Amino acid sequence: MLSPDLQRIAHIRDYCIEIERTIERYGRSFEIFSSDPDYQKPVSFSLLQIGELSGKLSDNYRALTAVSVPWTAIRGMRNLFAHNYGSMSRELIWKTALEDIPLLLVFCEQQIQP
């Protein structure tokens, strides 16, 4: 059985995978992403959930892994989604999905390997 922190990391991994699947489904084109709300919503929702889950990790776990993962920034992005969704930068969402999520996915998978 995984610890509560690692259970949350497993859920974060699942949202990372969901983002990658969505990108594969719709295509790696910012133009398509930017013009299609049906593409933007699942990516944005998954990012919001990742931020929510990161806020529920223990302080100790976040401190121990802060060198590998910018938990404060992830939580901050969650707050932007929750409180300013209509004004979120599509470029920032896209950049995060393409550049940061693959790295976070690798981290999560390493953490939950037996």
PDB file of N, CA and C in Angstrom:
ATOM      1  N   MET A   1       0.848  -1.181   0.000  1.00  0.00           N
ATOM      2  CA  MET A   1       0.000   0.000   0.000  1.00  0.00           C
ATOM      3  C   MET A   1       0.892   1.242   0.000  1.00  0.00           C
ATOM      4  N   LEU A   2       0.565   2.179  -0.862  1.00  0.00           N
ATOM      5  CA  LEU A   2       1.340   3.412  -0.945  1.00  0.00           C
ATOM      6  C   LEU A   2       0.990   4.344   0.205  1.00  0.00           C
ATOM      7  N   SER A   3       1.971   5.124   0.629  1.00  0.00           N
ATOM      8  CA  SER A   3       1.733   6.146   1.643  1.00  0.00           C
ATOM      9  C   SER A   3       0.759   7.181   1.071  1.00  0.00           C
ATOM     10  N   PRO A   4       0.123   7.990   1.926  1.00  0.00           N
ATOM     11  CA  PRO A   4      -0.785   9.027   1.414  1.00  0.00           C
ATOM     12  C   PRO A   4      -0.115   9.964   0.399  1.00  0.00           C
ATOM     13  N   ASP A   5       1.140  10.339   0.658  1.00  0.00           N
ATOM     14  CA  ASP A   5       1.822  11.202  -0.306  1.00  0.00           C
ATOM     15  C   ASP A   5       1.983  10.496  -1.652  1.00  0.00           C
ATOM     16  N   LEU A   6       2.387   9.245  -1.615  1.00  0.00           N
ATOM     17  CA  LEU A   6       2.581   8.526  -2.871  1.00  0.00           C
ATOM     18  C   LEU A   6       1.259   8.198  -3.557  1.00  0.00           C
ATOM     19  N   GLN A   7       0.194   8.055  -2.801  1.00  0.00           N
ATOM     20  CA  GLN A   7      -1.128   7.911  -3.426  1.00  0.00           C
ATOM     21  C   GLN A   7      -1.468   9.176  -4.212  1.00  0.00           C
ATOM     22  N   ARG A   8      -1.171  10.326  -3.631  1.00  0.00           N
ATOM     23  CA  ARG A   8      -1.421  11.596  -4.333  1.00  0.00           C
ATOM     24  C   ARG A   8      -0.523  11.725  -5.552  1.00  0.00           C
ATOM     25  N   ILE A   9       0.724  11.297  -5.415  1.00  0.00           N
ATOM     26  CA  ILE A   9       1.640  11.314  -6.556  1.00  0.00           C
ATOM     27  C   ILE A   9       1.115  10.418  -7.675  1.00  0.00           C
ATOM     28  N   ALA A  10       0.536   9.294  -7.333  1.00  0.00           N
ATOM     29  CA  ALA A  10      -0.051   8.402  -8.346  1.00  0.00           C
ATOM     30  C   ALA A  10      -1.208   9.096  -9.068  1.00  0.00           C
ATOM     31  N   HIS A  11      -2.005   9.847  -8.329  1.00  0.00           N
ATOM     32  CA  HIS A  11      -3.104  10.600  -8.963  1.00  0.00           C
ATOM     33  C   HIS A  11      -2.552  11.715  -9.840  1.00  0.00           C
ATOM     34  N   ILE A  12      -1.510  12.379  -9.392  1.00  0.00           N
ATOM     35  CA  ILE A  12      -0.874  13.415 -10.217  1.00  0.00           C
ATOM     36  C   ILE A  12      -0.369  12.785 -11.508  1.00  0.00           C
ATOM     37  N   ARG A  13       0.268  11.608 -11.388  1.00  0.00           N
ATOM     38  CA  ARG A  13       0.732  10.887 -12.573  1.00  0.00           C
ATOM     39  C   ARG A  13      -0.423  10.628 -13.542  1.00  0.00           C
ATOM     40  N   ASP A  14      -1.563  10.215 -13.006  1.00  0.00           N
ATOM     41  CA  ASP A  14      -2.716   9.937 -13.861  1.00  0.00           C
ATOM     42  C   ASP A  14      -3.173  11.182 -14.609  1.00  0.00           C
ATOM     43  N   TYR A  15      -3.152  12.331 -13.958  1.00  0.00           N
ATOM     44  CA  TYR A  15      -3.528  13.575 -14.643  1.00  0.00           C
ATOM     45  C   TYR A  15      -2.489  13.962 -15.685  1.00  0.00           C
ATOM     46  N   CYS A  16      -1.210  13.700 -15.411  1.00  0.00           N
ATOM     47  CA  CYS A  16      -0.169  13.949 -16.409  1.00  0.00           C
ATOM     48  C   CYS A  16      -0.420  13.094 -17.648  1.00  0.00           C
ATOM     49  N   ILE A  17      -0.744  11.836 -17.427  1.00  0.00           N
ATOM     50  CA  ILE A  17      -1.040  10.933 -18.538  1.00  0.00           C
ATOM     51  C   ILE A  17      -2.259  11.429 -19.304  1.00  0.00           C
ATOM     52  N   GLU A  18      -3.268  11.894 -18.595  1.00  0.00           N
ATOM     53  CA  GLU A  18      -4.469  12.417 -19.252  1.00  0.00           C
ATOM     54  C   GLU A  18      -4.129  13.613 -20.146  1.00  0.00           C
ATOM     55  N   ILE A  19      -3.263  14.488 -19.672  1.00  0.00           N
ATOM     56  CA  ILE A  19      -2.844  15.633 -20.485  1.00  0.00           C
ATOM     57  C   ILE A  19      -2.136  15.136 -21.738  1.00  0.00           C
ATOM     58  N   GLU A  20      -1.227  14.198 -21.579  1.00  0.00           N
ATOM     59  CA  GLU A  20      -0.503  13.686 -22.743  1.00  0.00           C
ATOM     60  C   GLU A  20      -1.445  13.004 -23.736  1.00  0.00           C
ATOM     61  N   ARG A  21      -2.411  12.261 -23.241  1.00  0.00           N
ATOM     62  CA  ARG A  21      -3.393  11.623 -24.133  1.00  0.00           C
ATOM     63  C   ARG A  21      -4.227  12.658 -24.884  1.00  0.00           C
ATOM     64  N   THR A  22      -4.601  13.709 -24.192  1.00  0.00           N
ATOM     65  CA  THR A  22      -5.396  14.766 -24.826  1.00  0.00           C
ATOM     66  C   THR A  22      -4.593  15.448 -25.930  1.00  0.00           C
ATOM     67  N   ILE A  23      -3.325  15.715 -25.656  1.00  0.00           N
ATOM     68  CA  ILE A  23      -2.473  16.334 -26.672  1.00  0.00           C
ATOM     69  C   ILE A  23      -2.335  15.410 -27.878  1.00  0.00           C
ATOM     70  N   GLU A  24      -2.154  14.130 -27.636  1.00  0.00           N
ATOM     71  CA  GLU A  24      -2.046  13.185 -28.748  1.00  0.00           C
ATOM     72  C   GLU A  24      -3.350  13.126 -29.544  1.00  0.00           C
ATOM     73  N   ARG A  25      -4.460  13.220 -28.860  1.00  0.00           N
ATOM     74  CA  ARG A  25      -5.758  13.145 -29.535  1.00  0.00           C
ATOM     75  C   ARG A  25      -6.006  14.354 -30.441  1.00  0.00           C
ATOM     76  N   TYR A  26      -5.710  15.560 -29.912  1.00  0.00           N
ATOM     77  CA  TYR A  26      -6.013  16.779 -30.654  1.00  0.00           C
ATOM     78  C   TYR A  26      -4.859  17.270 -31.525  1.00  0.00           C
ATOM     79  N   GLY A  27      -3.642  16.894 -31.185  1.00  0.00           N
ATOM     80  CA  GLY A  27      -2.477  17.317 -31.957  1.00  0.00           C
ATOM     81  C   GLY A  27      -1.606  18.307 -31.202  1.00  0.00           C
ATOM     82  N   ARG A  28      -0.334  18.320 -31.563  1.00  0.00           N
ATOM     83  CA  ARG A  28       0.653  19.178 -30.914  1.00  0.00           C
ATOM     84  C   ARG A  28       0.718  20.535 -31.599  1.00  0.00           C
ATOM     85  N   SER A  29      -0.407  21.161 -31.751  1.00  0.00           N
ATOM     86  CA  SER A  29      -0.476  22.456 -32.416  1.00  0.00           C
ATOM     87  C   SER A  29      -1.073  23.491 -31.473  1.00  0.00           C
ATOM     88  N   PHE A  30      -0.299  24.537 -31.195  1.00  0.00           N
ATOM     89  CA  PHE A  30      -0.829  25.600 -30.346  1.00  0.00           C
ATOM     90  C   PHE A  30      -2.026  26.266 -31.007  1.00  0.00           C
ATOM     91  N   GLU A  31      -2.007  26.374 -32.309  1.00  0.00           N
ATOM     92  CA  GLU A  31      -3.113  27.020 -33.015  1.00  0.00           C
ATOM     93  C   GLU A  31      -4.419  26.263 -32.775  1.00  0.00           C
ATOM     94  N   ILE A  32      -4.357  24.949 -32.846  1.00  0.00           N
ATOM     95  CA  ILE A  32      -5.560  24.144 -32.575  1.00  0.00           C
ATOM     96  C   ILE A  32      -5.957  24.306 -31.107  1.00  0.00           C
ATOM     97  N   PHE A  33      -4.989  24.175 -30.203  1.00  0.00           N
ATOM     98  CA  PHE A  33      -5.267  24.317 -28.772  1.00  0.00           C
ATOM     99  C   PHE A  33      -5.900  25.673 -28.481  1.00  0.00           C
ATOM    100  N   SER A  34      -5.312  26.715 -29.013  1.00  0.00           N
ATOM    101  CA  SER A  34      -5.755  28.072 -28.717  1.00  0.00           C
ATOM    102  C   SER A  34      -7.172  28.363 -29.210  1.00  0.00           C
ATOM    103  N   SER A  35      -7.576  27.693 -30.272  1.00  0.00           N
ATOM    104  CA  SER A  35      -8.883  27.986 -30.858  1.00  0.00           C
ATOM    105  C   SER A  35      -9.980  26.989 -30.487  1.00  0.00           C
ATOM    106  N   ASP A  36      -9.636  25.959 -29.706  1.00  0.00           N
ATOM    107  CA  ASP A  36     -10.611  24.905 -29.430  1.00  0.00           C
ATOM    108  C   ASP A  36     -10.846  24.737 -27.925  1.00  0.00           C
ATOM    109  N   PRO A  37     -11.959  25.272 -27.408  1.00  0.00           N
ATOM    110  CA  PRO A  37     -12.254  25.126 -25.983  1.00  0.00           C
ATOM    111  C   PRO A  37     -12.376  23.666 -25.532  1.00  0.00           C
ATOM    112  N   ASP A  38     -12.795  22.783 -26.455  1.00  0.00           N
ATOM    113  CA  ASP A  38     -12.894  21.364 -26.104  1.00  0.00           C
ATOM    114  C   ASP A  38     -11.520  20.740 -25.897  1.00  0.00           C
ATOM    115  N   TYR A  39     -10.503  21.348 -26.421  1.00  0.00           N
ATOM    116  CA  TYR A  39      -9.123  20.925 -26.206  1.00  0.00           C
ATOM    117  C   TYR A  39      -8.587  21.566 -24.922  1.00  0.00           C
ATOM    118  N   GLN A  40      -8.869  22.837 -24.732  1.00  0.00           N
ATOM    119  CA  GLN A  40      -8.352  23.585 -23.587  1.00  0.00           C
ATOM    120  C   GLN A  40      -8.885  23.070 -22.248  1.00  0.00           C
ATOM    121  N   LYS A  41     -10.162  22.731 -22.208  1.00  0.00           N
ATOM    122  CA  LYS A  41     -10.791  22.375 -20.928  1.00  0.00           C
ATOM    123  C   LYS A  41     -10.186  21.152 -20.251  1.00  0.00           C
ATOM    124  N   PRO A  42      -9.991  20.024 -20.935  1.00  0.00           N
ATOM    125  CA  PRO A  42      -9.417  18.877 -20.212  1.00  0.00           C
ATOM    126  C   PRO A  42      -7.974  19.112 -19.776  1.00  0.00           C
ATOM    127  N   VAL A  43      -7.207  19.844 -20.574  1.00  0.00           N
ATOM    128  CA  VAL A  43      -5.831  20.149 -20.184  1.00  0.00           C
ATOM    129  C   VAL A  43      -5.845  21.056 -18.965  1.00  0.00           C
ATOM    130  N   SER A  44      -6.660  22.098 -19.010  1.00  0.00           N
ATOM    131  CA  SER A  44      -6.744  23.045 -17.895  1.00  0.00           C
ATOM    132  C   SER A  44      -7.257  22.370 -16.631  1.00  0.00           C
ATOM    133  N   PHE A  45      -8.271  21.535 -16.767  1.00  0.00           N
ATOM    134  CA  PHE A  45      -8.810  20.830 -15.607  1.00  0.00           C
ATOM    135  C   PHE A  45      -7.751  19.932 -14.976  1.00  0.00           C
ATOM    136  N   SER A  46      -7.024  19.203 -15.809  1.00  0.00           N
ATOM    137  CA  SER A  46      -5.986  18.317 -15.283  1.00  0.00           C
ATOM    138  C   SER A  46      -4.895  19.108 -14.570  1.00  0.00           C
ATOM    139  N   LEU A  47      -4.502  20.248 -15.122  1.00  0.00           N
ATOM    140  CA  LEU A  47      -3.513  21.104 -14.455  1.00  0.00           C
ATOM    141  C   LEU A  47      -4.048  21.611 -13.118  1.00  0.00           C
ATOM    142  N   LEU A  48      -5.299  21.987 -13.091  1.00  0.00           N
ATOM    143  CA  LEU A  48      -5.914  22.433 -11.841  1.00  0.00           C
ATOM    144  C   LEU A  48      -5.892  21.312 -10.803  1.00  0.00           C
ATOM    145  N   GLN A  49      -6.231  20.105 -11.222  1.00  0.00           N
ATOM    146  CA  GLN A  49      -6.240  18.963 -10.303  1.00  0.00           C
ATOM    147  C   GLN A  49      -4.837  18.638  -9.801  1.00  0.00           C
ATOM    148  N   ILE A  50      -3.851  18.740 -10.667  1.00  0.00           N
ATOM    149  CA  ILE A  50      -2.467  18.513 -10.248  1.00  0.00           C
ATOM    150  C   ILE A  50      -2.100  19.526  -9.172  1.00  0.00           C
ATOM    151  N   GLY A  51      -2.469  20.775  -9.367  1.00  0.00           N
ATOM    152  CA  GLY A  51      -2.194  21.797  -8.359  1.00  0.00           C
ATOM    153  C   GLY A  51      -2.918  21.531  -7.058  1.00  0.00           C
ATOM    154  N   GLU A  52      -4.143  21.074  -7.154  1.00  0.00           N
ATOM    155  CA  GLU A  52      -4.926  20.754  -5.952  1.00  0.00           C
ATOM    156  C   GLU A  52      -4.280  19.608  -5.182  1.00  0.00           C
ATOM    157  N   LEU A  53      -3.906  18.574  -5.888  1.00  0.00           N
ATOM    158  CA  LEU A  53      -3.265  17.424  -5.240  1.00  0.00           C
ATOM    159  C   LEU A  53      -1.907  17.796  -4.643  1.00  0.00           C
ATOM    160  N   SER A  54      -1.167  18.653  -5.318  1.00  0.00           N
ATOM    161  CA  SER A  54       0.143  19.045  -4.795  1.00  0.00           C
ATOM    162  C   SER A  54       0.008  19.784  -3.469  1.00  0.00           C
ATOM    163  N   GLY A  55      -1.086  20.512  -3.307  1.00  0.00           N
ATOM    164  CA  GLY A  55      -1.325  21.214  -2.050  1.00  0.00           C
ATOM    165  C   GLY A  55      -1.669  20.279  -0.905  1.00  0.00           C
ATOM    166  N   LYS A  56      -2.032  19.062  -1.218  1.00  0.00           N
ATOM    167  CA  LYS A  56      -2.385  18.087  -0.182  1.00  0.00           C
ATOM    168  C   LYS A  56      -1.215  17.178   0.201  1.00  0.00           C
ATOM    169  N   LEU A  57      -0.088  17.334  -0.498  1.00  0.00           N
ATOM    170  CA  LEU A  57       1.111  16.585  -0.109  1.00  0.00           C
ATOM    171  C   LEU A  57       1.608  17.110   1.230  1.00  0.00           C
ATOM    172  N   SER A  58       2.220  16.253   1.997  1.00  0.00           N
ATOM    173  CA  SER A  58       2.729  16.692   3.303  1.00  0.00           C
ATOM    174  C   SER A  58       3.848  17.713   3.121  1.00  0.00           C
ATOM    175  N   ASP A  59       3.984  18.593   4.092  1.00  0.00           N
ATOM    176  CA  ASP A  59       5.058  19.584   4.057  1.00  0.00           C
ATOM    177  C   ASP A  59       6.412  18.896   3.961  1.00  0.00           C
ATOM    178  N   ASN A  60       6.557  17.802   4.673  1.00  0.00           N
ATOM    179  CA  ASN A  60       7.819  17.067   4.668  1.00  0.00           C
ATOM    180  C   ASN A  60       8.135  16.528   3.270  1.00  0.00           C
ATOM    181  N   TYR A  61       7.157  15.936   2.614  1.00  0.00           N
ATOM    182  CA  TYR A  61       7.373  15.385   1.276  1.00  0.00           C
ATOM    183  C   TYR A  61       7.734  16.497   0.292  1.00  0.00           C
ATOM    184  N   ARG A  62       6.991  17.594   0.349  1.00  0.00           N
ATOM    185  CA  ARG A  62       7.287  18.715  -0.551  1.00  0.00           C
ATOM    186  C   ARG A  62       8.702  19.237  -0.312  1.00  0.00           C
ATOM    187  N   ALA A  63       9.095  19.343   0.949  1.00  0.00           N
ATOM    188  CA  ALA A  63      10.443  19.835   1.269  1.00  0.00           C
ATOM    189  C   ALA A  63      11.513  18.870   0.747  1.00  0.00           C
ATOM    190  N   LEU A  64      11.280  17.575   0.914  1.00  0.00           N
ATOM    191  CA  LEU A  64      12.259  16.577   0.471  1.00  0.00           C
ATOM    192  C   LEU A  64      12.405  16.514  -1.039  1.00  0.00           C
ATOM    193  N   THR A  65      11.372  16.885  -1.768  1.00  0.00           N
ATOM    194  CA  THR A  65      11.379  16.750  -3.231  1.00  0.00           C
ATOM    195  C   THR A  65      11.402  18.095  -3.958  1.00  0.00           C
ATOM    196  N   ALA A  66      11.524  19.178  -3.214  1.00  0.00           N
ATOM    197  CA  ALA A  66      11.463  20.516  -3.805  1.00  0.00           C
ATOM    198  C   ALA A  66      12.579  20.773  -4.821  1.00  0.00           C
ATOM    199  N   VAL A  67      13.690  20.080  -4.684  1.00  0.00           N
ATOM    200  CA  VAL A  67      14.775  20.244  -5.652  1.00  0.00           C
ATOM    201  C   VAL A  67      14.350  19.710  -7.023  1.00  0.00           C
ATOM    202  N   SER A  68      13.513  18.702  -7.030  1.00  0.00           N
ATOM    203  CA  SER A  68      13.072  18.064  -8.272  1.00  0.00           C
ATOM    204  C   SER A  68      11.799  18.669  -8.850  1.00  0.00           C
ATOM    205  N   VAL A  69      10.922  19.169  -7.987  1.00  0.00           N
ATOM    206  CA  VAL A  69       9.612  19.646  -8.431  1.00  0.00           C
ATOM    207  C   VAL A  69       9.297  20.988  -7.775  1.00  0.00           C
ATOM    208  N   PRO A  70       8.897  21.986  -8.570  1.00  0.00           N
ATOM    209  CA  PRO A  70       8.548  23.292  -8.006  1.00  0.00           C
ATOM    210  C   PRO A  70       7.108  23.306  -7.462  1.00  0.00           C
ATOM    211  N   TRP A  71       6.914  22.672  -6.321  1.00  0.00           N
ATOM    212  CA  TRP A  71       5.560  22.525  -5.769  1.00  0.00           C
ATOM    213  C   TRP A  71       4.869  23.858  -5.561  1.00  0.00           C
ATOM    214  N   THR A  72       5.597  24.863  -5.123  1.00  0.00           N
ATOM    215  CA  THR A  72       4.982  26.181  -4.884  1.00  0.00           C
ATOM    216  C   THR A  72       4.429  26.758  -6.182  1.00  0.00           C
ATOM    217  N   ALA A  73       5.179  26.634  -7.263  1.00  0.00           N
ATOM    218  CA  ALA A  73       4.714  27.137  -8.555  1.00  0.00           C
ATOM    219  C   ALA A  73       3.511  26.349  -9.060  1.00  0.00           C
ATOM    220  N   ILE A  74       3.521  25.043  -8.831  1.00  0.00           N
ATOM    221  CA  ILE A  74       2.387  24.210  -9.249  1.00  0.00           C
ATOM    222  C   ILE A  74       1.131  24.617  -8.494  1.00  0.00           C
ATOM    223  N   ARG A  75       1.272  24.822  -7.215  1.00  0.00           N
ATOM    224  CA  ARG A  75       0.134  25.262  -6.402  1.00  0.00           C
ATOM    225  C   ARG A  75      -0.329  26.652  -6.845  1.00  0.00           C
ATOM    226  N   GLY A  76       0.624  27.509  -7.170  1.00  0.00           N
ATOM    227  CA  GLY A  76       0.276  28.848  -7.640  1.00  0.00           C
ATOM    228  C   GLY A  76      -0.513  28.819  -8.933  1.00  0.00           C
ATOM    229  N   MET A  77      -0.150  27.905  -9.831  1.00  0.00           N
ATOM    230  CA  MET A  77      -0.899  27.790 -11.082  1.00  0.00           C
ATOM    231  C   MET A  77      -2.320  27.315 -10.792  1.00  0.00           C
ATOM    232  N   ARG A  78      -2.465  26.426  -9.834  1.00  0.00           N
ATOM    233  CA  ARG A  78      -3.806  25.976  -9.440  1.00  0.00           C
ATOM    234  C   ARG A  78      -4.653  27.154  -9.002  1.00  0.00           C
ATOM    235  N   ASN A  79      -4.058  28.047  -8.222  1.00  0.00           N
ATOM    236  CA  ASN A  79      -4.796  29.218  -7.757  1.00  0.00           C
ATOM    237  C   ASN A  79      -5.192  30.123  -8.912  1.00  0.00           C
ATOM    238  N   LEU A  80      -4.333  30.254  -9.902  1.00  0.00           N
ATOM    239  CA  LEU A  80      -4.692  31.043 -11.088  1.00  0.00           C
ATOM    240  C   LEU A  80      -5.877  30.420 -11.813  1.00  0.00           C
ATOM    241  N   PHE A  81      -5.852  29.105 -11.980  1.00  0.00           N
ATOM    242  CA  PHE A  81      -6.975  28.431 -12.635  1.00  0.00           C
ATOM    243  C   PHE A  81      -8.259  28.607 -11.838  1.00  0.00           C
ATOM    244  N   ALA A  82      -8.174  28.442 -10.551  1.00  0.00           N
ATOM    245  CA  ALA A  82      -9.368  28.476  -9.713  1.00  0.00           C
ATOM    246  C   ALA A  82      -9.990  29.862  -9.635  1.00  0.00           C
ATOM    247  N   HIS A  83      -9.169  30.878  -9.727  1.00  0.00           N
ATOM    248  CA  HIS A  83      -9.684  32.225  -9.480  1.00  0.00           C
ATOM    249  C   HIS A  83      -9.658  33.149 -10.692  1.00  0.00           C
ATOM    250  N   ASN A  84      -8.960  32.765 -11.756  1.00  0.00           N
ATOM    251  CA  ASN A  84      -8.840  33.635 -12.935  1.00  0.00           C
ATOM    252  C   ASN A  84      -8.940  32.865 -14.233  1.00  0.00           C
ATOM    253  N   TYR A  85      -9.756  31.797 -14.251  1.00  0.00           N
ATOM    254  CA  TYR A  85      -9.760  30.928 -15.423  1.00  0.00           C
ATOM    255  C   TYR A  85      -9.982  31.699 -16.718  1.00  0.00           C
ATOM    256  N   GLY A  86     -10.911  32.603 -16.733  1.00  0.00           N
ATOM    257  CA  GLY A  86     -11.229  33.328 -17.955  1.00  0.00           C
ATOM    258  C   GLY A  86     -10.067  34.129 -18.491  1.00  0.00           C
ATOM    259  N   SER A  87      -9.122  34.457 -17.642  1.00  0.00           N
ATOM    260  CA  SER A  87      -7.998  35.273 -18.088  1.00  0.00           C
ATOM    261  C   SER A  87      -6.675  34.511 -18.101  1.00  0.00           C
ATOM    262  N   MET A  88      -6.729  33.205 -17.981  1.00  0.00           N
ATOM    263  CA  MET A  88      -5.495  32.423 -18.012  1.00  0.00           C
ATOM    264  C   MET A  88      -4.849  32.508 -19.390  1.00  0.00           C
ATOM    265  N   SER A  89      -3.555  32.609 -19.395  1.00  0.00           N
ATOM    266  CA  SER A  89      -2.791  32.669 -20.626  1.00  0.00           C
ATOM    267  C   SER A  89      -2.779  31.302 -21.304  1.00  0.00           C
ATOM    268  N   ARG A  90      -3.304  31.235 -22.501  1.00  0.00           N
ATOM    269  CA  ARG A  90      -3.278  29.971 -23.237  1.00  0.00           C
ATOM    270  C   ARG A  90      -1.840  29.551 -23.523  1.00  0.00           C
ATOM    271  N   GLU A  91      -0.979  30.541 -23.748  1.00  0.00           N
ATOM    272  CA  GLU A  91       0.427  30.231 -23.985  1.00  0.00           C
ATOM    273  C   GLU A  91       1.056  29.562 -22.761  1.00  0.00           C
ATOM    274  N   LEU A  92       0.735  30.048 -21.573  1.00  0.00           N
ATOM    275  CA  LEU A  92       1.275  29.461 -20.347  1.00  0.00           C
ATOM    276  C   LEU A  92       0.745  28.040 -20.143  1.00  0.00           C
ATOM    277  N   ILE A  93      -0.525  27.850 -20.378  1.00  0.00           N
ATOM    278  CA  ILE A  93      -1.117  26.511 -20.253  1.00  0.00           C
ATOM    279  C   ILE A  93      -0.430  25.559 -21.231  1.00  0.00           C
ATOM    280  N   TRP A  94      -0.279  25.995 -22.471  1.00  0.00           N
ATOM    281  CA  TRP A  94       0.326  25.160 -23.504  1.00  0.00           C
ATOM    282  C   TRP A  94       1.779  24.831 -23.168  1.00  0.00           C
ATOM    283  N   LYS A  95       2.535  25.838 -22.776  1.00  0.00           N
ATOM    284  CA  LYS A  95       3.942  25.644 -22.414  1.00  0.00           C
ATOM    285  C   LYS A  95       4.064  24.661 -21.242  1.00  0.00           C
ATOM    286  N   THR A  96       3.205  24.817 -20.250  1.00  0.00           N
ATOM    287  CA  THR A  96       3.219  23.925 -19.096  1.00  0.00           C
ATOM    288  C   THR A  96       2.906  22.496 -19.522  1.00  0.00           C
ATOM    289  N   ALA A  97       1.886  22.335 -20.347  1.00  0.00           N
ATOM    290  CA  ALA A  97       1.478  20.995 -20.793  1.00  0.00           C
ATOM    291  C   ALA A  97       2.578  20.307 -21.605  1.00  0.00           C
ATOM    292  N   LEU A  98       3.256  21.057 -22.455  1.00  0.00           N
ATOM    293  CA  LEU A  98       4.262  20.449 -23.318  1.00  0.00           C
ATOM    294  C   LEU A  98       5.623  20.283 -22.652  1.00  0.00           C
ATOM    295  N   GLU A  99       6.012  21.229 -21.807  1.00  0.00           N
ATOM    296  CA  GLU A  99       7.367  21.217 -21.261  1.00  0.00           C
ATOM    297  C   GLU A  99       7.444  20.668 -19.837  1.00  0.00           C
ATOM    298  N   ASP A 100       6.511  21.040 -18.996  1.00  0.00           N
ATOM    299  CA  ASP A 100       6.600  20.686 -17.580  1.00  0.00           C
ATOM    300  C   ASP A 100       5.941  19.357 -17.241  1.00  0.00           C
ATOM    301  N   ILE A 101       4.830  19.070 -17.871  1.00  0.00           N
ATOM    302  CA  ILE A 101       4.095  17.843 -17.543  1.00  0.00           C
ATOM    303  C   ILE A 101       4.897  16.576 -17.852  1.00  0.00           C
ATOM    304  N   PRO A 102       5.610  16.495 -18.975  1.00  0.00           N
ATOM    305  CA  PRO A 102       6.418  15.284 -19.185  1.00  0.00           C
ATOM    306  C   PRO A 102       7.474  15.069 -18.091  1.00  0.00           C
ATOM    307  N   LEU A 103       8.067  16.135 -17.596  1.00  0.00           N
ATOM    308  CA  LEU A 103       9.054  16.026 -16.521  1.00  0.00           C
ATOM    309  C   LEU A 103       8.389  15.592 -15.220  1.00  0.00           C
ATOM    310  N   LEU A 104       7.217  16.157 -14.944  1.00  0.00           N
ATOM    311  CA  LEU A 104       6.481  15.780 -13.741  1.00  0.00           C
ATOM    312  C   LEU A 104       6.053  14.318 -13.809  1.00  0.00           C
ATOM    313  N   LEU A 105       5.659  13.872 -14.979  1.00  0.00           N
ATOM    314  CA  LEU A 105       5.273  12.480 -15.166  1.00  0.00           C
ATOM    315  C   LEU A 105       6.436  11.537 -14.847  1.00  0.00           C
ATOM    316  N   VAL A 106       7.613  11.847 -15.338  1.00  0.00           N
ATOM    317  CA  VAL A 106       8.789  11.022 -15.055  1.00  0.00           C
ATOM    318  C   VAL A 106       9.053  10.993 -13.552  1.00  0.00           C
ATOM    319  N   PHE A 107       8.994  12.153 -12.905  1.00  0.00           N
ATOM    320  CA  PHE A 107       9.203  12.214 -11.459  1.00  0.00           C
ATOM    321  C   PHE A 107       8.200  11.321 -10.735  1.00  0.00           C
ATOM    322  N   CYS A 108       6.934  11.443 -11.091  1.00  0.00           N
ATOM    323  CA  CYS A 108       5.894  10.651 -10.422  1.00  0.00           C
ATOM    324  C   CYS A 108       6.122   9.164 -10.605  1.00  0.00           C
ATOM    325  N   GLU A 109       6.439   8.773 -11.820  1.00  0.00           N
ATOM    326  CA  GLU A 109       6.658   7.354 -12.080  1.00  0.00           C
ATOM    327  C   GLU A 109       7.848   6.829 -11.285  1.00  0.00           C
ATOM    328  N   GLN A 110       8.898   7.623 -11.165  1.00  0.00           N
ATOM    329  CA  GLN A 110      10.059   7.210 -10.356  1.00  0.00           C
ATOM    330  C   GLN A 110       9.688   7.075  -8.883  1.00  0.00           C
ATOM    331  N   GLN A 111       8.838   7.953  -8.408  1.00  0.00           N
ATOM    332  CA  GLN A 111       8.458   7.942  -6.994  1.00  0.00           C
ATOM    333  C   GLN A 111       7.613   6.731  -6.614  1.00  0.00           C
ATOM    334  N   ILE A 112       6.769   6.279  -7.534  1.00  0.00           N
ATOM    335  CA  ILE A 112       5.838   5.204  -7.165  1.00  0.00           C
ATOM    336  C   ILE A 112       6.294   3.833  -7.620  1.00  0.00           C
ATOM    337  N   GLN A 113       7.462   3.751  -8.266  1.00  0.00           N
ATOM    338  CA  GLN A 113       7.991   2.436  -8.626  1.00  0.00           C
ATOM    339  C   GLN A 113       8.321   1.647  -7.362  1.00  0.00           C
ATOM    340  N   PRO A 114       8.003   0.353  -7.374  1.00  0.00           N
ATOM    341  CA  PRO A 114       8.321  -0.469  -6.197  1.00  0.00           C
ATOM    342  C   PRO A 114       9.811  -0.695  -6.037  1.00  0.00           C
TER     343      PRO A 114
END
